[in-house]
Amino acid sequence: MNVYLTAMDCLLVDMASRYGDNILPVVRQMMVFSAGNLQTMADITENDVNVFCEKYCLNSREVVRELNSFRPIFRDNHHLVCMTDVISNVPDSSEAQGCDATGDRWIQQTFLQPYRLLHQLSGFPTLLTVYKVLKVLCCSVFTICHSLV
């Protein structure tokens, strides 16, 4: 449990320094881009991503257009994206003493799988920029969690 609390504390301090008092809406909107959310059937609207896009000076209309076009491609092809390197590096919850994430759960709640698929496609330049931003955050959390084990 101490490892989990320390990791969360580091994450919250880092995010507070990036987003200030606007942290909760940004985090909620980040999750729109998670692998698990991309597999749902609900269409994404500008209101779902506007705070995040504004923070990174991205055109929310373009992000929504590309995201809604990418979602069915991701749903049909996510299983083709190799994630074994991520799964093998995610600590087992018994080893991590509180970093309770299995490989599959980690993949569903992060942005790495969509990011990797986007690298294979050329029609989503704005969305790829979004995932580059999200990948940095995701890798930071993984590094914090893994280093505390």
N, C-alpha and C. Protein backbone atom coordinates (compact mmCIF):
# COMPACT_ATOMS: atom_id res chain seq x y z
N MET A 1 0.82 -1.20 0.00
CA MET A 1 0.00 0.00 0.00
C MET A 1 0.87 1.26 0.00
N ASN A 2 2.02 1.23 0.70
CA ASN A 2 2.89 2.40 0.75
C ASN A 2 3.42 2.77 -0.63
N VAL A 3 3.70 1.77 -1.46
CA VAL A 3 4.19 2.03 -2.81
C VAL A 3 3.12 2.72 -3.62
N TYR A 4 1.90 2.25 -3.52
CA TYR A 4 0.79 2.84 -4.28
C TYR A 4 0.58 4.29 -3.87
N LEU A 5 0.56 4.57 -2.59
CA LEU A 5 0.34 5.93 -2.12
C LEU A 5 1.47 6.85 -2.56
N THR A 6 2.69 6.37 -2.51
CA THR A 6 3.83 7.18 -2.95
C THR A 6 3.74 7.47 -4.43
N ALA A 7 3.40 6.45 -5.22
CA ALA A 7 3.26 6.64 -6.67
C ALA A 7 2.15 7.64 -6.98
N MET A 8 1.02 7.50 -6.32
CA MET A 8 -0.10 8.43 -6.56
C MET A 8 0.27 9.84 -6.13
N ASP A 9 0.99 9.98 -5.03
CA ASP A 9 1.41 11.30 -4.58
C ASP A 9 2.32 11.95 -5.62
N CYS A 10 3.28 11.19 -6.13
CA CYS A 10 4.18 11.72 -7.18
C CYS A 10 3.39 12.13 -8.41
N LEU A 11 2.45 11.29 -8.80
CA LEU A 11 1.64 11.57 -9.98
C LEU A 11 0.81 12.83 -9.78
N LEU A 12 0.15 12.95 -8.64
CA LEU A 12 -0.69 14.12 -8.38
C LEU A 12 0.11 15.41 -8.31
N VAL A 13 1.31 15.35 -7.72
CA VAL A 13 2.16 16.54 -7.66
C VAL A 13 2.57 16.95 -9.07
N ASP A 14 2.96 15.97 -9.88
CA ASP A 14 3.36 16.25 -11.25
C ASP A 14 2.21 16.84 -12.05
N MET A 15 1.04 16.26 -11.93
CA MET A 15 -0.11 16.74 -12.69
C MET A 15 -0.57 18.11 -12.19
N ALA A 16 -0.50 18.34 -10.89
CA ALA A 16 -0.88 19.65 -10.36
C ALA A 16 0.05 20.73 -10.89
N SER A 17 1.34 20.40 -11.04
CA SER A 17 2.27 21.39 -11.57
C SER A 17 1.99 21.68 -13.04
N ARG A 18 1.45 20.70 -13.78
CA ARG A 18 1.14 20.90 -15.20
C ARG A 18 -0.20 21.59 -15.40
N TYR A 19 -1.21 21.24 -14.60
CA TYR A 19 -2.57 21.66 -14.88
C TYR A 19 -3.17 22.57 -13.83
N GLY A 20 -2.51 22.78 -12.72
CA GLY A 20 -3.03 23.67 -11.69
C GLY A 20 -4.36 23.20 -11.14
N ASP A 21 -5.28 24.15 -10.94
CA ASP A 21 -6.59 23.84 -10.38
C ASP A 21 -7.51 23.13 -11.36
N ASN A 22 -7.12 23.06 -12.60
CA ASN A 22 -7.96 22.48 -13.65
C ASN A 22 -7.64 20.99 -13.87
N ILE A 23 -7.09 20.32 -12.88
CA ILE A 23 -6.59 18.96 -13.04
C ILE A 23 -7.69 17.94 -13.31
N LEU A 24 -8.80 18.00 -12.59
CA LEU A 24 -9.84 16.97 -12.73
C LEU A 24 -10.47 16.93 -14.12
N PRO A 25 -10.87 18.07 -14.70
CA PRO A 25 -11.42 18.00 -16.06
C PRO A 25 -10.41 17.48 -17.08
N VAL A 26 -9.14 17.85 -16.92
CA VAL A 26 -8.12 17.39 -17.85
C VAL A 26 -7.94 15.87 -17.75
N VAL A 27 -7.88 15.34 -16.53
CA VAL A 27 -7.72 13.90 -16.34
C VAL A 27 -8.93 13.15 -16.89
N ARG A 28 -10.12 13.65 -16.63
CA ARG A 28 -11.33 13.01 -17.17
C ARG A 28 -11.27 12.97 -18.69
N GLN A 29 -10.86 14.07 -19.28
CA GLN A 29 -10.80 14.11 -20.73
C GLN A 29 -9.67 13.27 -21.30
N MET A 30 -8.59 13.12 -20.58
CA MET A 30 -7.52 12.23 -21.02
C MET A 30 -8.03 10.80 -21.17
N MET A 31 -8.89 10.39 -20.26
CA MET A 31 -9.37 9.01 -20.28
C MET A 31 -10.25 8.71 -21.49
N VAL A 32 -10.75 9.73 -22.17
CA VAL A 32 -11.49 9.52 -23.41
C VAL A 32 -10.62 8.79 -24.42
N PHE A 33 -9.30 9.01 -24.35
CA PHE A 33 -8.36 8.46 -25.31
C PHE A 33 -7.80 7.09 -24.90
N SER A 34 -8.22 6.56 -23.75
CA SER A 34 -7.69 5.27 -23.29
C SER A 34 -8.14 4.14 -24.21
N ALA A 35 -7.35 3.08 -24.23
CA ALA A 35 -7.67 1.92 -25.08
C ALA A 35 -9.05 1.37 -24.74
N GLY A 36 -9.37 1.27 -23.48
CA GLY A 36 -10.67 0.74 -23.07
C GLY A 36 -11.82 1.60 -23.55
N ASN A 37 -11.68 2.90 -23.46
CA ASN A 37 -12.75 3.80 -23.90
C ASN A 37 -12.93 3.77 -25.41
N LEU A 38 -11.86 3.59 -26.15
CA LEU A 38 -11.96 3.54 -27.61
C LEU A 38 -12.77 2.34 -28.10
N GLN A 39 -12.94 1.36 -27.24
CA GLN A 39 -13.68 0.16 -27.62
C GLN A 39 -15.17 0.26 -27.30
N THR A 40 -15.61 1.39 -26.74
CA THR A 40 -17.03 1.60 -26.48
C THR A 40 -17.70 2.10 -27.75
N MET A 41 -18.99 2.14 -27.73
CA MET A 41 -19.75 2.52 -28.92
C MET A 41 -20.13 4.00 -28.95
N ALA A 42 -19.95 4.72 -27.87
CA ALA A 42 -20.40 6.11 -27.78
C ALA A 42 -19.53 7.04 -28.63
N ASP A 43 -20.17 7.93 -29.38
CA ASP A 43 -19.43 8.93 -30.14
C ASP A 43 -18.83 9.97 -29.21
N ILE A 44 -17.66 10.46 -29.58
CA ILE A 44 -16.97 11.49 -28.82
C ILE A 44 -17.41 12.84 -29.38
N THR A 45 -17.63 13.82 -28.49
CA THR A 45 -18.00 15.17 -28.90
C THR A 45 -16.90 16.15 -28.50
N GLU A 46 -16.98 17.36 -28.99
CA GLU A 46 -15.99 18.38 -28.62
C GLU A 46 -16.00 18.64 -27.12
N ASN A 47 -17.16 18.57 -26.49
CA ASN A 47 -17.23 18.77 -25.04
C ASN A 47 -16.45 17.71 -24.27
N ASP A 48 -16.25 16.54 -24.88
CA ASP A 48 -15.51 15.47 -24.21
C ASP A 48 -14.01 15.72 -24.17
N VAL A 49 -13.50 16.63 -25.02
CA VAL A 49 -12.05 16.81 -25.12
C VAL A 49 -11.61 18.27 -25.15
N ASN A 50 -12.52 19.21 -25.03
CA ASN A 50 -12.19 20.63 -25.22
C ASN A 50 -11.17 21.18 -24.22
N VAL A 51 -11.26 20.81 -22.95
CA VAL A 51 -10.32 21.32 -21.95
C VAL A 51 -8.91 20.80 -22.23
N PHE A 52 -8.81 19.51 -22.52
CA PHE A 52 -7.52 18.91 -22.84
C PHE A 52 -6.92 19.55 -24.10
N CYS A 53 -7.74 19.69 -25.14
CA CYS A 53 -7.25 20.27 -26.40
C CYS A 53 -6.81 21.71 -26.21
N GLU A 54 -7.57 22.46 -25.45
CA GLU A 54 -7.20 23.86 -25.19
C GLU A 54 -5.86 23.93 -24.47
N LYS A 55 -5.64 23.05 -23.52
CA LYS A 55 -4.39 23.04 -22.77
C LYS A 55 -3.19 22.85 -23.70
N TYR A 56 -3.34 22.04 -24.74
CA TYR A 56 -2.24 21.74 -25.65
C TYR A 56 -2.39 22.42 -27.01
N CYS A 57 -3.24 23.44 -27.08
CA CYS A 57 -3.43 24.23 -28.30
C CYS A 57 -3.75 23.37 -29.52
N LEU A 58 -4.65 22.43 -29.32
CA LEU A 58 -5.10 21.55 -30.40
C LEU A 58 -6.52 21.92 -30.81
N ASN A 59 -6.83 21.74 -32.05
CA ASN A 59 -8.16 22.01 -32.57
C ASN A 59 -9.08 20.87 -32.13
N SER A 60 -9.98 21.14 -31.21
CA SER A 60 -10.83 20.07 -30.67
C SER A 60 -11.74 19.47 -31.74
N ARG A 61 -12.18 20.27 -32.69
CA ARG A 61 -13.03 19.74 -33.77
C ARG A 61 -12.25 18.71 -34.60
N GLU A 62 -11.00 19.01 -34.90
CA GLU A 62 -10.16 18.09 -35.67
C GLU A 62 -9.85 16.82 -34.86
N VAL A 63 -9.57 17.00 -33.57
CA VAL A 63 -9.30 15.84 -32.71
C VAL A 63 -10.51 14.92 -32.67
N VAL A 64 -11.70 15.48 -32.51
CA VAL A 64 -12.93 14.69 -32.45
C VAL A 64 -13.17 13.97 -33.78
N ARG A 65 -12.99 14.68 -34.89
CA ARG A 65 -13.18 14.07 -36.20
C ARG A 65 -12.24 12.87 -36.38
N GLU A 66 -10.95 13.07 -36.08
CA GLU A 66 -9.98 11.99 -36.23
C GLU A 66 -10.25 10.86 -35.24
N LEU A 67 -10.60 11.20 -34.01
CA LEU A 67 -10.85 10.19 -32.99
C LEU A 67 -12.04 9.31 -33.35
N ASN A 68 -13.12 9.93 -33.80
CA ASN A 68 -14.30 9.14 -34.17
C ASN A 68 -14.05 8.30 -35.42
N SER A 69 -13.17 8.73 -36.29
CA SER A 69 -12.79 7.92 -37.45
C SER A 69 -11.85 6.78 -37.06
N PHE A 70 -11.01 7.04 -36.08
CA PHE A 70 -10.02 6.05 -35.63
C PHE A 70 -10.64 4.95 -34.76
N ARG A 71 -11.66 5.26 -33.99
CA ARG A 71 -12.25 4.30 -33.04
C ARG A 71 -12.65 2.98 -33.68
N PRO A 72 -13.38 2.95 -34.78
CA PRO A 72 -13.72 1.65 -35.37
C PRO A 72 -12.49 0.89 -35.89
N ILE A 73 -11.52 1.63 -36.37
CA ILE A 73 -10.27 0.98 -36.82
C ILE A 73 -9.58 0.35 -35.63
N PHE A 74 -9.55 1.07 -34.51
CA PHE A 74 -8.92 0.53 -33.31
C PHE A 74 -9.68 -0.69 -32.79
N ARG A 75 -11.00 -0.59 -32.74
CA ARG A 75 -11.80 -1.73 -32.26
C ARG A 75 -11.53 -2.98 -33.09
N ASP A 76 -11.40 -2.82 -34.39
CA ASP A 76 -11.21 -3.97 -35.27
C ASP A 76 -9.78 -4.49 -35.29
N ASN A 77 -8.81 -3.67 -34.89
CA ASN A 77 -7.41 -4.04 -35.06
C ASN A 77 -6.55 -3.99 -33.80
N HIS A 78 -7.13 -3.64 -32.65
CA HIS A 78 -6.31 -3.49 -31.44
C HIS A 78 -5.59 -4.78 -31.08
N HIS A 79 -6.19 -5.92 -31.39
CA HIS A 79 -5.57 -7.21 -31.04
C HIS A 79 -4.33 -7.49 -31.88
N LEU A 80 -4.11 -6.75 -32.94
CA LEU A 80 -2.94 -6.93 -33.79
C LEU A 80 -1.72 -6.16 -33.28
N VAL A 81 -1.93 -5.28 -32.32
CA VAL A 81 -0.84 -4.45 -31.79
C VAL A 81 -0.10 -5.24 -30.72
N CYS A 82 1.19 -5.44 -30.93
CA CYS A 82 2.00 -6.19 -29.98
C CYS A 82 2.20 -5.37 -28.70
N MET A 83 1.80 -5.94 -27.57
CA MET A 83 1.94 -5.28 -26.28
C MET A 83 2.70 -6.15 -25.27
N THR A 84 3.35 -7.20 -25.76
CA THR A 84 4.02 -8.14 -24.84
C THR A 84 5.12 -7.46 -24.04
N ASP A 85 5.80 -6.46 -24.61
CA ASP A 85 6.84 -5.77 -23.85
C ASP A 85 6.25 -5.02 -22.66
N VAL A 86 5.05 -4.49 -22.81
CA VAL A 86 4.39 -3.77 -21.72
C VAL A 86 3.92 -4.76 -20.66
N ILE A 87 3.28 -5.83 -21.11
CA ILE A 87 2.75 -6.82 -20.17
C ILE A 87 3.87 -7.43 -19.35
N SER A 88 5.02 -7.70 -19.97
CA SER A 88 6.12 -8.33 -19.24
C SER A 88 6.77 -7.39 -18.25
N ASN A 89 6.58 -6.07 -18.40
CA ASN A 89 7.17 -5.10 -17.49
C ASN A 89 6.22 -4.57 -16.43
N VAL A 90 4.95 -4.93 -16.51
CA VAL A 90 4.00 -4.49 -15.50
C VAL A 90 4.15 -5.38 -14.28
N PRO A 91 4.45 -4.79 -13.13
CA PRO A 91 4.63 -5.61 -11.94
C PRO A 91 3.34 -6.30 -11.53
N ASP A 92 3.44 -7.53 -11.09
CA ASP A 92 2.30 -8.26 -10.56
C ASP A 92 1.89 -7.60 -9.25
N SER A 93 0.61 -7.56 -8.95
CA SER A 93 0.16 -6.84 -7.76
C SER A 93 0.78 -7.38 -6.48
N SER A 94 1.08 -8.66 -6.43
CA SER A 94 1.70 -9.20 -5.22
C SER A 94 3.14 -8.71 -5.09
N GLU A 95 3.82 -8.52 -6.21
CA GLU A 95 5.18 -8.01 -6.17
C GLU A 95 5.20 -6.51 -5.90
N ALA A 96 4.22 -5.81 -6.42
CA ALA A 96 4.22 -4.36 -6.38
C ALA A 96 3.70 -3.79 -5.06
N GLN A 97 3.21 -4.60 -4.19
CA GLN A 97 2.72 -4.17 -2.89
C GLN A 97 1.74 -3.01 -3.03
N GLY A 98 0.79 -3.11 -3.92
CA GLY A 98 -0.21 -2.06 -4.02
C GLY A 98 -0.31 -1.44 -5.40
N CYS A 99 0.65 -1.62 -6.27
CA CYS A 99 0.53 -1.12 -7.65
C CYS A 99 -0.30 -2.14 -8.40
N ASP A 100 -1.55 -2.31 -7.99
CA ASP A 100 -2.33 -3.45 -8.49
C ASP A 100 -2.80 -3.20 -9.92
N ALA A 101 -1.98 -3.69 -10.83
CA ALA A 101 -2.34 -3.59 -12.24
C ALA A 101 -1.84 -4.84 -12.94
N THR A 102 -2.73 -5.53 -13.60
CA THR A 102 -2.30 -6.64 -14.43
C THR A 102 -1.98 -6.07 -15.79
N GLY A 103 -1.31 -6.86 -16.61
CA GLY A 103 -0.95 -6.39 -17.94
C GLY A 103 -2.16 -5.96 -18.74
N ASP A 104 -3.22 -6.76 -18.75
CA ASP A 104 -4.41 -6.42 -19.54
C ASP A 104 -5.09 -5.15 -19.02
N ARG A 105 -5.17 -5.04 -17.73
CA ARG A 105 -5.81 -3.85 -17.14
C ARG A 105 -4.98 -2.61 -17.44
N TRP A 106 -3.67 -2.76 -17.35
CA TRP A 106 -2.78 -1.63 -17.64
C TRP A 106 -2.99 -1.16 -19.08
N ILE A 107 -3.05 -2.10 -20.01
CA ILE A 107 -3.23 -1.76 -21.42
C ILE A 107 -4.56 -1.07 -21.64
N GLN A 108 -5.63 -1.55 -21.01
CA GLN A 108 -6.96 -0.96 -21.19
C GLN A 108 -7.04 0.46 -20.65
N GLN A 109 -6.27 0.77 -19.63
CA GLN A 109 -6.37 2.07 -18.98
C GLN A 109 -5.32 3.06 -19.46
N THR A 110 -4.47 2.64 -20.40
CA THR A 110 -3.44 3.55 -20.89
C THR A 110 -3.67 3.89 -22.35
N PHE A 111 -2.70 4.57 -22.91
CA PHE A 111 -2.79 5.10 -24.26
C PHE A 111 -1.78 4.44 -25.20
N LEU A 112 -1.01 3.50 -24.70
CA LEU A 112 0.07 2.94 -25.51
C LEU A 112 -0.41 2.13 -26.70
N GLN A 113 -1.44 1.34 -26.54
CA GLN A 113 -1.92 0.51 -27.65
C GLN A 113 -2.47 1.38 -28.80
N PRO A 114 -3.32 2.36 -28.53
CA PRO A 114 -3.75 3.24 -29.63
C PRO A 114 -2.57 4.00 -30.25
N TYR A 115 -1.65 4.44 -29.41
CA TYR A 115 -0.46 5.16 -29.90
C TYR A 115 0.33 4.29 -30.87
N ARG A 116 0.53 3.05 -30.54
CA ARG A 116 1.27 2.15 -31.42
C ARG A 116 0.53 1.89 -32.72
N LEU A 117 -0.78 1.75 -32.65
CA LEU A 117 -1.54 1.54 -33.88
C LEU A 117 -1.51 2.80 -34.76
N LEU A 118 -1.60 3.97 -34.16
CA LEU A 118 -1.56 5.21 -34.92
C LEU A 118 -0.26 5.37 -35.70
N HIS A 119 0.83 4.84 -35.15
CA HIS A 119 2.12 4.91 -35.84
C HIS A 119 2.12 4.11 -37.14
N GLN A 120 1.20 3.19 -37.27
CA GLN A 120 1.10 2.37 -38.48
C GLN A 120 0.18 3.00 -39.52
N LEU A 121 -0.50 4.08 -39.13
CA LEU A 121 -1.49 4.71 -40.01
C LEU A 121 -1.03 6.14 -40.33
N SER A 122 -1.47 6.66 -41.46
CA SER A 122 -1.03 8.00 -41.85
C SER A 122 -2.13 9.05 -41.84
N GLY A 123 -3.37 8.66 -41.62
CA GLY A 123 -4.48 9.59 -41.76
C GLY A 123 -4.90 10.33 -40.51
N PHE A 124 -4.09 10.28 -39.45
CA PHE A 124 -4.51 10.86 -38.18
C PHE A 124 -3.40 11.70 -37.54
N PRO A 125 -2.91 12.74 -38.22
CA PRO A 125 -1.77 13.50 -37.69
C PRO A 125 -2.07 14.24 -36.38
N THR A 126 -3.25 14.81 -36.25
CA THR A 126 -3.60 15.52 -35.02
C THR A 126 -3.76 14.54 -33.87
N LEU A 127 -4.40 13.43 -34.13
CA LEU A 127 -4.59 12.42 -33.09
C LEU A 127 -3.26 11.82 -32.65
N LEU A 128 -2.34 11.64 -33.57
CA LEU A 128 -1.01 11.16 -33.20
C LEU A 128 -0.32 12.14 -32.26
N THR A 129 -0.50 13.43 -32.50
CA THR A 129 0.05 14.45 -31.60
C THR A 129 -0.55 14.31 -30.20
N VAL A 130 -1.85 14.10 -30.13
CA VAL A 130 -2.52 13.90 -28.84
C VAL A 130 -1.90 12.71 -28.11
N TYR A 131 -1.73 11.61 -28.81
CA TYR A 131 -1.20 10.40 -28.18
C TYR A 131 0.27 10.53 -27.81
N LYS A 132 1.01 11.36 -28.49
CA LYS A 132 2.40 11.61 -28.07
C LYS A 132 2.41 12.30 -26.71
N VAL A 133 1.52 13.25 -26.51
CA VAL A 133 1.40 13.92 -25.21
C VAL A 133 0.99 12.91 -24.14
N LEU A 134 -0.01 12.11 -24.44
CA LEU A 134 -0.52 11.14 -23.47
C LEU A 134 0.51 10.05 -23.16
N LYS A 135 1.29 9.67 -24.15
CA LYS A 135 2.32 8.64 -23.94
C LYS A 135 3.35 9.09 -22.92
N VAL A 136 3.72 10.34 -22.98
CA VAL A 136 4.69 10.86 -22.02
C VAL A 136 4.15 10.73 -20.60
N LEU A 137 2.89 11.10 -20.40
CA LEU A 137 2.28 10.96 -19.08
C LEU A 137 2.21 9.51 -18.66
N CYS A 138 1.76 8.65 -19.55
CA CYS A 138 1.63 7.22 -19.26
C CYS A 138 2.97 6.62 -18.87
N CYS A 139 4.00 6.93 -19.63
CA CYS A 139 5.34 6.39 -19.33
C CYS A 139 5.86 6.93 -18.02
N SER A 140 5.53 8.18 -17.69
CA SER A 140 5.94 8.74 -16.40
C SER A 140 5.32 7.99 -15.24
N VAL A 141 4.03 7.69 -15.34
CA VAL A 141 3.35 6.94 -14.29
C VAL A 141 3.94 5.54 -14.16
N PHE A 142 4.17 4.88 -15.30
CA PHE A 142 4.74 3.53 -15.27
C PHE A 142 6.12 3.57 -14.63
N THR A 143 6.93 4.54 -14.97
CA THR A 143 8.28 4.65 -14.42
C THR A 143 8.23 4.87 -12.91
N ILE A 144 7.34 5.74 -12.46
CA ILE A 144 7.21 6.01 -11.03
C ILE A 144 6.80 4.72 -10.31
N CYS A 145 5.78 4.06 -10.82
CA CYS A 145 5.26 2.86 -10.19
C CYS A 145 6.32 1.75 -10.18
N HIS A 146 6.99 1.57 -11.31
CA HIS A 146 7.99 0.50 -11.43
C HIS A 146 9.22 0.77 -10.55
N SER A 147 9.62 2.04 -10.43
CA SER A 147 10.81 2.36 -9.64
C SER A 147 10.58 2.22 -8.14
N LEU A 148 9.32 2.26 -7.72
CA LEU A 148 9.02 2.15 -6.30
C LEU A 148 8.90 0.70 -5.83
N VAL A 149 8.91 -0.23 -6.77
CA VAL A 149 8.76 -1.64 -6.40
C VAL A 149 10.05 -2.16 -5.82
